[in-house]
All heavy atoms as atom14 arrays in JSON, in Angstrom:
{
  "sequence": "MAQSKEVKTAGAERGLSRFEGFSDAVFAIILTLLFVEIKVPG",
  "atom14_mask": [
    [1, 1, 1, 1, 1, 1, 1, 1, 0, 0, 0, 0, 0, 0],
    [1, 1, 1, 1, 1, 0, 0, 0, 0, 0, 0, 0, 0, 0],
    [1, 1, 1, 1, 1, 1, 1, 1, 1, 0, 0, 0, 0, 0],
    [1, 1, 1, 1, 1, 1, 0, 0, 0, 0, 0, 0, 0, 0],
    [1, 1, 1, 1, 1, 1, 1, 1, 1, 0, 0, 0, 0, 0],
    [1, 1, 1, 1, 1, 1, 1, 1, 1, 0, 0, 0, 0, 0],
    [1, 1, 1, 1, 1, 1, 1, 0, 0, 0, 0, 0, 0, 0],
    [1, 1, 1, 1, 1, 1, 1, 1, 1, 0, 0, 0, 0, 0],
    [1, 1, 1, 1, 1, 1, 1, 0, 0, 0, 0, 0, 0, 0],
    [1, 1, 1, 1, 1, 0, 0, 0, 0, 0, 0, 0, 0, 0],
    [1, 1, 1, 1, 0, 0, 0, 0, 0, 0, 0, 0, 0, 0],
    [1, 1, 1, 1, 1, 0, 0, 0, 0, 0, 0, 0, 0, 0],
    [1, 1, 1, 1, 1, 1, 1, 1, 1, 0, 0, 0, 0, 0],
    [1, 1, 1, 1, 1, 1, 1, 1, 1, 1, 1, 0, 0, 0],
    [1, 1, 1, 1, 0, 0, 0, 0, 0, 0, 0, 0, 0, 0],
    [1, 1, 1, 1, 1, 1, 1, 1, 0, 0, 0, 0, 0, 0],
    [1, 1, 1, 1, 1, 1, 0, 0, 0, 0, 0, 0, 0, 0],
    [1, 1, 1, 1, 1, 1, 1, 1, 1, 1, 1, 0, 0, 0],
    [1, 1, 1, 1, 1, 1, 1, 1, 1, 1, 1, 0, 0, 0],
    [1, 1, 1, 1, 1, 1, 1, 1, 1, 0, 0, 0, 0, 0],
    [1, 1, 1, 1, 0, 0, 0, 0, 0, 0, 0, 0, 0, 0],
    [1, 1, 1, 1, 1, 1, 1, 1, 1, 1, 1, 0, 0, 0],
    [1, 1, 1, 1, 1, 1, 0, 0, 0, 0, 0, 0, 0, 0],
    [1, 1, 1, 1, 1, 1, 1, 1, 0, 0, 0, 0, 0, 0],
    [1, 1, 1, 1, 1, 0, 0, 0, 0, 0, 0, 0, 0, 0],
    [1, 1, 1, 1, 1, 1, 1, 0, 0, 0, 0, 0, 0, 0],
    [1, 1, 1, 1, 1, 1, 1, 1, 1, 1, 1, 0, 0, 0],
    [1, 1, 1, 1, 1, 0, 0, 0, 0, 0, 0, 0, 0, 0],
    [1, 1, 1, 1, 1, 1, 1, 1, 0, 0, 0, 0, 0, 0],
    [1, 1, 1, 1, 1, 1, 1, 1, 0, 0, 0, 0, 0, 0],
    [1, 1, 1, 1, 1, 1, 1, 1, 0, 0, 0, 0, 0, 0],
    [1, 1, 1, 1, 1, 1, 1, 0, 0, 0, 0, 0, 0, 0],
    [1, 1, 1, 1, 1, 1, 1, 1, 0, 0, 0, 0, 0, 0],
    [1, 1, 1, 1, 1, 1, 1, 1, 0, 0, 0, 0, 0, 0],
    [1, 1, 1, 1, 1, 1, 1, 1, 1, 1, 1, 0, 0, 0],
    [1, 1, 1, 1, 1, 1, 1, 0, 0, 0, 0, 0, 0, 0],
    [1, 1, 1, 1, 1, 1, 1, 1, 1, 0, 0, 0, 0, 0],
    [1, 1, 1, 1, 1, 1, 1, 1, 0, 0, 0, 0, 0, 0],
    [1, 1, 1, 1, 1, 1, 1, 1, 1, 0, 0, 0, 0, 0],
    [1, 1, 1, 1, 1, 1, 1, 0, 0, 0, 0, 0, 0, 0],
    [1, 1, 1, 1, 1, 1, 1, 0, 0, 0, 0, 0, 0, 0],
    [1, 1, 1, 1, 0, 0, 0, 0, 0, 0, 0, 0, 0, 0]
  ],
  "atom14_positions": [
    [[-18.58, -8.3, -23.02], [-17.62, -8.65, -21.97], [-17.08, -7.4, -21.29], [-16.94, -7.3, -20.1], [-16.48, -9.46, -22.59], [-15.63, -10.18, -21.56], [-16.55, -11.53, -20.82], [-15.3, -12.19, -19.75], [0.0, 0.0, 0.0], [0.0, 0.0, 0.0], [0.0, 0.0, 0.0], [0.0, 0.0, 0.0], [0.0, 0.0, 0.0], [0.0, 0.0, 0.0]],
    [[-16.75, -6.37, -22.11], [-16.23, -5.13, -21.55], [-17.27, -4.47, -20.67], [-16.96, -3.91, -19.64], [-15.8, -4.19, -22.68], [0.0, 0.0, 0.0], [0.0, 0.0, 0.0], [0.0, 0.0, 0.0], [0.0, 0.0, 0.0], [0.0, 0.0, 0.0], [0.0, 0.0, 0.0], [0.0, 0.0, 0.0], [0.0, 0.0, 0.0], [0.0, 0.0, 0.0]],
    [[-18.56, -4.57, -21.11], [-19.62, -3.96, -20.33], [-19.74, -4.63, -18.96], [-19.95, -3.99, -17.94], [-20.93, -4.08, -21.09], [-22.09, -3.35, -20.39], [-23.35, -3.44, -21.21], [-23.38, -4.06, -22.27], [-24.4, -2.82, -20.74], [0.0, 0.0, 0.0], [0.0, 0.0, 0.0], [0.0, 0.0, 0.0], [0.0, 0.0, 0.0], [0.0, 0.0, 0.0]],
    [[-19.55, -5.98, -18.94], [-19.61, -6.73, -17.68], [-18.54, -6.26, -16.72], [-18.76, -6.12, -15.54], [-19.45, -8.23, -17.96], [-19.31, -8.93, -16.76], [0.0, 0.0, 0.0], [0.0, 0.0, 0.0], [0.0, 0.0, 0.0], [0.0, 0.0, 0.0], [0.0, 0.0, 0.0], [0.0, 0.0, 0.0], [0.0, 0.0, 0.0], [0.0, 0.0, 0.0]],
    [[-17.34, -6.0, -17.24], [-16.24, -5.54, -16.38], [-16.54, -4.17, -15.81], [-16.2, -3.87, -14.68], [-14.93, -5.5, -17.17], [-14.27, -6.85, -17.28], [-12.8, -6.67, -17.57], [-12.05, -7.97, -17.29], [-10.61, -7.76, -17.28], [0.0, 0.0, 0.0], [0.0, 0.0, 0.0], [0.0, 0.0, 0.0], [0.0, 0.0, 0.0], [0.0, 0.0, 0.0]],
    [[-17.18, -3.3, -16.6], [-17.5, -1.97, -16.1], [-18.48, -2.06, -14.93], [-18.42, -1.27, -14.01], [-18.09, -1.12, -17.23], [-17.04, -0.64, -18.23], [-17.67, 0.21, -19.3], [-18.82, 0.63, -19.11], [-17.02, 0.44, -20.33], [0.0, 0.0, 0.0], [0.0, 0.0, 0.0], [0.0, 0.0, 0.0], [0.0, 0.0, 0.0], [0.0, 0.0, 0.0]],
    [[-19.37, -3.02, -14.96], [-20.32, -3.19, -13.88], [-19.62, -3.67, -12.63], [-19.92, -3.26, -11.52], [-21.42, -4.2, -14.31], [-22.31, -4.55, -13.13], [-22.26, -3.62, -15.44], [0.0, 0.0, 0.0], [0.0, 0.0, 0.0], [0.0, 0.0, 0.0], [0.0, 0.0, 0.0], [0.0, 0.0, 0.0], [0.0, 0.0, 0.0], [0.0, 0.0, 0.0]],
    [[-18.63, -4.54, -12.81], [-17.97, -5.18, -11.67], [-16.95, -4.29, -10.98], [-16.7, -4.43, -9.8], [-17.27, -6.47, -12.13], [-18.23, -7.58, -12.49], [-17.51, -8.74, -13.13], [-16.5, -9.36, -12.2], [-15.82, -10.52, -12.82], [0.0, 0.0, 0.0], [0.0, 0.0, 0.0], [0.0, 0.0, 0.0], [0.0, 0.0, 0.0], [0.0, 0.0, 0.0]],
    [[-16.32, -3.4, -11.71], [-15.26, -2.59, -11.11], [-15.55, -1.1, -11.3], [-16.43, -0.71, -12.06], [-13.89, -2.91, -11.76], [-13.96, -2.64, -13.16], [-13.52, -4.36, -11.54], [0.0, 0.0, 0.0], [0.0, 0.0, 0.0], [0.0, 0.0, 0.0], [0.0, 0.0, 0.0], [0.0, 0.0, 0.0], [0.0, 0.0, 0.0], [0.0, 0.0, 0.0]],
    [[-14.78, -0.26, -10.58], [-14.99, 1.19, -10.64], [-13.67, 1.87, -10.98], [-12.63, 1.54, -10.42], [-15.52, 1.71, -9.31], [0.0, 0.0, 0.0], [0.0, 0.0, 0.0], [0.0, 0.0, 0.0], [0.0, 0.0, 0.0], [0.0, 0.0, 0.0], [0.0, 0.0, 0.0], [0.0, 0.0, 0.0], [0.0, 0.0, 0.0], [0.0, 0.0, 0.0]],
    [[-13.73, 2.83, -11.88], [-12.51, 3.55, -12.24], [-11.57, 2.69, -13.07], [-11.95, 1.65, -13.6], [0.0, 0.0, 0.0], [0.0, 0.0, 0.0], [0.0, 0.0, 0.0], [0.0, 0.0, 0.0], [0.0, 0.0, 0.0], [0.0, 0.0, 0.0], [0.0, 0.0, 0.0], [0.0, 0.0, 0.0], [0.0, 0.0, 0.0], [0.0, 0.0, 0.0]],
    [[-10.33, 3.13, -13.14], [-9.33, 2.41, -13.93], [-8.95, 1.1, -13.25], [-8.59, 1.09, -12.08], [-8.1, 3.28, -14.13], [0.0, 0.0, 0.0], [0.0, 0.0, 0.0], [0.0, 0.0, 0.0], [0.0, 0.0, 0.0], [0.0, 0.0, 0.0], [0.0, 0.0, 0.0], [0.0, 0.0, 0.0], [0.0, 0.0, 0.0], [0.0, 0.0, 0.0]],
    [[-9.03, 0.01, -13.98], [-8.64, -1.29, -13.45], [-7.16, -1.5, -13.72], [-6.68, -1.29, -14.83], [-9.47, -2.39, -14.13], [-9.28, -3.76, -13.52], [-10.19, -4.78, -14.16], [-11.41, -4.55, -14.19], [-9.67, -5.79, -14.65], [0.0, 0.0, 0.0], [0.0, 0.0, 0.0], [0.0, 0.0, 0.0], [0.0, 0.0, 0.0], [0.0, 0.0, 0.0]],
    [[-6.42, -1.87, -12.67], [-4.97, -2.01, -12.8], [-4.53, -3.33, -12.19], [-5.27, -3.98, -11.44], [-4.25, -0.87, -12.07], [-4.61, 0.52, -12.52], [-3.79, 1.54, -11.76], [-2.38, 1.4, -12.07], [-1.73, 2.16, -12.95], [-2.36, 3.12, -13.58], [-0.45, 1.98, -13.19], [0.0, 0.0, 0.0], [0.0, 0.0, 0.0], [0.0, 0.0, 0.0]],
    [[-3.27, -3.68, -12.49], [-2.67, -4.83, -11.84], [-2.3, -4.47, -10.4], [-2.58, -3.37, -9.92], [0.0, 0.0, 0.0], [0.0, 0.0, 0.0], [0.0, 0.0, 0.0], [0.0, 0.0, 0.0], [0.0, 0.0, 0.0], [0.0, 0.0, 0.0], [0.0, 0.0, 0.0], [0.0, 0.0, 0.0], [0.0, 0.0, 0.0], [0.0, 0.0, 0.0]],
    [[-1.63, -5.4, -9.72], [-1.36, -5.2, -8.29], [0.05, -4.71, -7.99], [0.36, -4.46, -6.83], [-1.59, -6.52, -7.54], [-3.04, -6.98, -7.39], [-3.08, -8.29, -6.62], [-3.88, -5.93, -6.69], [0.0, 0.0, 0.0], [0.0, 0.0, 0.0], [0.0, 0.0, 0.0], [0.0, 0.0, 0.0], [0.0, 0.0, 0.0], [0.0, 0.0, 0.0]],
    [[0.91, -4.58, -8.97], [2.32, -4.29, -8.69], [2.49, -2.96, -7.95], [3.13, -2.9, -6.9], [3.15, -4.3, -9.98], [2.63, -3.36, -10.9], [0.0, 0.0, 0.0], [0.0, 0.0, 0.0], [0.0, 0.0, 0.0], [0.0, 0.0, 0.0], [0.0, 0.0, 0.0], [0.0, 0.0, 0.0], [0.0, 0.0, 0.0], [0.0, 0.0, 0.0]],
    [[1.9, -1.87, -8.46], [2.04, -0.58, -7.79], [1.23, -0.54, -6.5], [1.65, 0.06, -5.51], [1.58, 0.55, -8.73], [2.48, 0.73, -9.94], [2.06, 1.88, -10.81], [2.21, 3.16, -10.13], [1.85, 4.33, -10.64], [1.3, 4.37, -11.85], [2.02, 5.44, -9.96], [0.0, 0.0, 0.0], [0.0, 0.0, 0.0], [0.0, 0.0, 0.0]],
    [[0.08, -1.19, -6.5], [-0.77, -1.28, -5.31], [0.01, -1.94, -4.16], [0.07, -1.42, -3.05], [-2.01, -2.09, -5.66], [-2.94, -2.37, -4.52], [-3.96, -1.48, -4.21], [-2.81, -3.53, -3.76], [-4.83, -1.74, -3.16], [-3.68, -3.78, -2.71], [-4.69, -2.89, -2.41], [0.0, 0.0, 0.0], [0.0, 0.0, 0.0], [0.0, 0.0, 0.0]],
    [[0.62, -3.09, -4.43], [1.37, -3.8, -3.4], [2.65, -3.05, -3.03], [3.04, -3.02, -1.87], [1.69, -5.21, -3.86], [0.47, -6.1, -3.98], [0.81, -7.53, -4.34], [1.76, -7.73, -5.13], [0.14, -8.44, -3.82], [0.0, 0.0, 0.0], [0.0, 0.0, 0.0], [0.0, 0.0, 0.0], [0.0, 0.0, 0.0], [0.0, 0.0, 0.0]],
    [[3.3, -2.46, -4.04], [4.54, -1.72, -3.76], [4.3, -0.55, -2.82], [5.07, -0.32, -1.88], [0.0, 0.0, 0.0], [0.0, 0.0, 0.0], [0.0, 0.0, 0.0], [0.0, 0.0, 0.0], [0.0, 0.0, 0.0], [0.0, 0.0, 0.0], [0.0, 0.0, 0.0], [0.0, 0.0, 0.0], [0.0, 0.0, 0.0], [0.0, 0.0, 0.0]],
    [[3.24, 0.22, -3.07], [2.9, 1.35, -2.2], [2.57, 0.86, -0.79], [3.05, 1.42, 0.21], [1.72, 2.12, -2.79], [1.21, 3.21, -1.88], [1.89, 4.41, -1.76], [0.05, 3.03, -1.13], [1.42, 5.42, -0.92], [-0.43, 4.02, -0.29], [0.26, 5.22, -0.19], [0.0, 0.0, 0.0], [0.0, 0.0, 0.0], [0.0, 0.0, 0.0]],
    [[1.74, -0.18, -0.68], [1.35, -0.7, 0.63], [2.55, -1.21, 1.4], [2.7, -0.95, 2.6], [0.31, -1.81, 0.46], [-0.86, -1.33, -0.17], [0.0, 0.0, 0.0], [0.0, 0.0, 0.0], [0.0, 0.0, 0.0], [0.0, 0.0, 0.0], [0.0, 0.0, 0.0], [0.0, 0.0, 0.0], [0.0, 0.0, 0.0], [0.0, 0.0, 0.0]],
    [[3.43, -1.94, 0.71], [4.64, -2.45, 1.37], [5.51, -1.31, 1.88], [6.1, -1.39, 2.96], [5.44, -3.32, 0.41], [4.82, -4.7, 0.2], [3.99, -5.1, 1.04], [5.15, -5.36, -0.8], [0.0, 0.0, 0.0], [0.0, 0.0, 0.0], [0.0, 0.0, 0.0], [0.0, 0.0, 0.0], [0.0, 0.0, 0.0], [0.0, 0.0, 0.0]],
    [[5.6, -0.23, 1.1], [6.41, 0.92, 1.51], [5.84, 1.56, 2.78], [6.58, 1.94, 3.69], [6.49, 1.94, 0.39], [0.0, 0.0, 0.0], [0.0, 0.0, 0.0], [0.0, 0.0, 0.0], [0.0, 0.0, 0.0], [0.0, 0.0, 0.0], [0.0, 0.0, 0.0], [0.0, 0.0, 0.0], [0.0, 0.0, 0.0], [0.0, 0.0, 0.0]],
    [[4.51, 1.67, 2.84], [3.87, 2.24, 4.03], [4.14, 1.36, 5.25], [4.51, 1.85, 6.33], [2.36, 2.42, 3.81], [1.67, 2.84, 5.11], [2.09, 3.44, 2.72], [0.0, 0.0, 0.0], [0.0, 0.0, 0.0], [0.0, 0.0, 0.0], [0.0, 0.0, 0.0], [0.0, 0.0, 0.0], [0.0, 0.0, 0.0], [0.0, 0.0, 0.0]],
    [[3.99, 0.06, 5.09], [4.29, -0.86, 6.18], [5.74, -0.71, 6.64], [6.03, -0.68, 7.83], [4.04, -2.31, 5.75], [2.64, -2.79, 5.97], [1.74, -2.88, 4.91], [2.21, -3.18, 7.22], [0.45, -3.34, 5.11], [0.91, -3.64, 7.43], [0.03, -3.71, 6.37], [0.0, 0.0, 0.0], [0.0, 0.0, 0.0], [0.0, 0.0, 0.0]],
    [[6.66, -0.63, 5.68], [8.09, -0.52, 6.01], [8.37, 0.75, 6.8], [9.13, 0.74, 7.78], [8.92, -0.56, 4.74], [0.0, 0.0, 0.0], [0.0, 0.0, 0.0], [0.0, 0.0, 0.0], [0.0, 0.0, 0.0], [0.0, 0.0, 0.0], [0.0, 0.0, 0.0], [0.0, 0.0, 0.0], [0.0, 0.0, 0.0], [0.0, 0.0, 0.0]],
    [[7.76, 1.87, 6.4], [7.98, 3.14, 7.09], [7.44, 3.07, 8.52], [8.09, 3.49, 9.48], [7.33, 4.29, 6.32], [8.07, 4.52, 4.99], [7.33, 5.58, 7.15], [7.36, 5.46, 4.04], [0.0, 0.0, 0.0], [0.0, 0.0, 0.0], [0.0, 0.0, 0.0], [0.0, 0.0, 0.0], [0.0, 0.0, 0.0], [0.0, 0.0, 0.0]],
    [[6.22, 2.53, 8.66], [5.61, 2.43, 10.0], [6.46, 1.57, 10.92], [6.73, 1.94, 12.07], [4.19, 1.86, 9.9], [3.27, 2.81, 9.12], [3.61, 1.61, 11.3], [1.92, 2.22, 8.77], [0.0, 0.0, 0.0], [0.0, 0.0, 0.0], [0.0, 0.0, 0.0], [0.0, 0.0, 0.0], [0.0, 0.0, 0.0], [0.0, 0.0, 0.0]],
    [[6.92, 0.42, 10.42], [7.73, -0.48, 11.24], [9.06, 0.16, 11.62], [9.55, -0.01, 12.73], [7.96, -1.8, 10.51], [6.73, -2.71, 10.37], [7.03, -3.89, 9.46], [6.28, -3.21, 11.74], [0.0, 0.0, 0.0], [0.0, 0.0, 0.0], [0.0, 0.0, 0.0], [0.0, 0.0, 0.0], [0.0, 0.0, 0.0], [0.0, 0.0, 0.0]],
    [[9.65, 0.91, 10.69], [10.93, 1.57, 10.98], [10.78, 2.64, 12.04], [11.61, 2.76, 12.95], [11.49, 2.2, 9.69], [11.67, 1.18, 8.71], [12.83, 2.88, 9.96], [0.0, 0.0, 0.0], [0.0, 0.0, 0.0], [0.0, 0.0, 0.0], [0.0, 0.0, 0.0], [0.0, 0.0, 0.0], [0.0, 0.0, 0.0], [0.0, 0.0, 0.0]],
    [[9.69, 3.42, 11.96], [9.47, 4.5, 12.92], [9.28, 3.99, 14.35], [9.52, 4.73, 15.31], [8.27, 5.34, 12.51], [8.47, 6.2, 11.25], [7.17, 6.91, 10.88], [9.58, 7.22, 11.46], [0.0, 0.0, 0.0], [0.0, 0.0, 0.0], [0.0, 0.0, 0.0], [0.0, 0.0, 0.0], [0.0, 0.0, 0.0], [0.0, 0.0, 0.0]],
    [[8.86, 2.73, 14.5], [8.67, 2.18, 15.84], [9.97, 2.22, 16.63], [9.98, 2.49, 17.84], [8.18, 0.73, 15.76], [6.81, 0.49, 15.12], [6.51, -1.0, 15.09], [5.72, 1.24, 15.87], [0.0, 0.0, 0.0], [0.0, 0.0, 0.0], [0.0, 0.0, 0.0], [0.0, 0.0, 0.0], [0.0, 0.0, 0.0], [0.0, 0.0, 0.0]],
    [[11.08, 1.94, 15.97], [12.38, 1.9, 16.65], [12.88, 3.3, 16.98], [13.59, 3.49, 17.96], [13.39, 1.14, 15.78], [13.04, -0.31, 15.59], [12.27, -0.71, 14.51], [13.47, -1.26, 16.5], [11.93, -2.05, 14.33], [13.13, -2.6, 16.33], [12.36, -2.99, 15.25], [0.0, 0.0, 0.0], [0.0, 0.0, 0.0], [0.0, 0.0, 0.0]],
    [[12.5, 4.26, 16.15], [12.93, 5.64, 16.38], [12.3, 6.2, 17.66], [12.86, 7.1, 18.3], [12.57, 6.52, 15.16], [12.96, 7.97, 15.39], [13.25, 5.97, 13.91], [0.0, 0.0, 0.0], [0.0, 0.0, 0.0], [0.0, 0.0, 0.0], [0.0, 0.0, 0.0], [0.0, 0.0, 0.0], [0.0, 0.0, 0.0], [0.0, 0.0, 0.0]],
    [[11.14, 5.67, 18.05], [10.43, 6.17, 19.22], [11.18, 5.91, 20.52], [10.99, 6.61, 21.51], [9.03, 5.54, 19.3], [8.06, 6.02, 18.23], [7.69, 7.48, 18.42], [7.7, 7.97, 19.56], [7.38, 8.13, 17.4], [0.0, 0.0, 0.0], [0.0, 0.0, 0.0], [0.0, 0.0, 0.0], [0.0, 0.0, 0.0], [0.0, 0.0, 0.0]],
    [[12.02, 4.87, 20.55], [12.74, 4.54, 21.78], [13.99, 5.4, 21.89], [14.88, 5.33, 21.04], [13.12, 3.05, 21.82], [11.86, 2.18, 21.77], [13.92, 2.73, 23.08], [12.12, 0.7, 21.81], [0.0, 0.0, 0.0], [0.0, 0.0, 0.0], [0.0, 0.0, 0.0], [0.0, 0.0, 0.0], [0.0, 0.0, 0.0], [0.0, 0.0, 0.0]],
    [[14.05, 6.24, 22.92], [15.17, 7.15, 23.12], [16.18, 6.51, 24.08], [15.84, 6.18, 25.22], [14.69, 8.48, 23.68], [13.54, 9.11, 22.88], [13.88, 9.31, 21.41], [12.72, 9.92, 20.65], [12.99, 10.03, 19.2], [0.0, 0.0, 0.0], [0.0, 0.0, 0.0], [0.0, 0.0, 0.0], [0.0, 0.0, 0.0], [0.0, 0.0, 0.0]],
    [[17.38, 6.33, 23.63], [18.43, 5.68, 24.43], [18.8, 6.56, 25.63], [18.92, 7.78, 25.49], [19.67, 5.43, 23.55], [20.79, 4.8, 24.37], [19.3, 4.54, 22.37], [0.0, 0.0, 0.0], [0.0, 0.0, 0.0], [0.0, 0.0, 0.0], [0.0, 0.0, 0.0], [0.0, 0.0, 0.0], [0.0, 0.0, 0.0], [0.0, 0.0, 0.0]],
    [[18.98, 5.97, 26.81], [19.44, 6.78, 27.96], [20.74, 7.52, 27.62], [21.66, 6.96, 27.04], [19.69, 5.71, 29.04], [18.76, 4.6, 28.69], [18.73, 4.57, 27.18], [0.0, 0.0, 0.0], [0.0, 0.0, 0.0], [0.0, 0.0, 0.0], [0.0, 0.0, 0.0], [0.0, 0.0, 0.0], [0.0, 0.0, 0.0], [0.0, 0.0, 0.0]],
    [[20.74, 8.79, 27.95], [21.91, 9.62, 27.66], [21.81, 10.39, 26.37], [22.56, 11.35, 26.16], [0.0, 0.0, 0.0], [0.0, 0.0, 0.0], [0.0, 0.0, 0.0], [0.0, 0.0, 0.0], [0.0, 0.0, 0.0], [0.0, 0.0, 0.0], [0.0, 0.0, 0.0], [0.0, 0.0, 0.0], [0.0, 0.0, 0.0], [0.0, 0.0, 0.0]]
  ]
}
């Protein structure tokens, strides 16, 4: 069974918590920076 998993995946197999947390943080930063781009008159 372990050998089958090695064939199916590459490198260390992990859960999704850190994967999703990092991706969500990148999305949040990108969305936040959109508002910074608009310079208020004055």
